[in-house]
Amino acid sequence: MSDPDRRLIERYTAGERTNHWIVAMVFVLAALSGLALFHPALFWLSNFFGGGRGRASCIRSSGSIMMLAFPVPGGDGLEATIGCRTAIGNGCGR
């Protein structure tokens, strides 16, 4: 049932979750706009972005957003995410 000594472990902070969803949404936009370049049969997808110039602008801006958002996992830095999240009990201070 319910154990009073049991506590929840916070795996990801609110900032990390927000960053994840921002990157995920921008990735989907970049993928859809990139599919229009992949094959001529998929060029109709560029209409969602305002045509050829809108699609190109979407690809550039989504790439810039992802470039800025990838190394910011909650403010701890990339090495903290890679080092502390993969090894359990290594004294990362969390």
Foldseek 3Di string as FASTA:
>chain_A
DDDPVDDDDDLADPQLVVLVVLLVVLVVLLVLLVVLVVDVVSVVSCVVQPHDVSSVVSNVVSVVVCVVSVQPRPNPGPCLCVPVNVDPPPPSPD
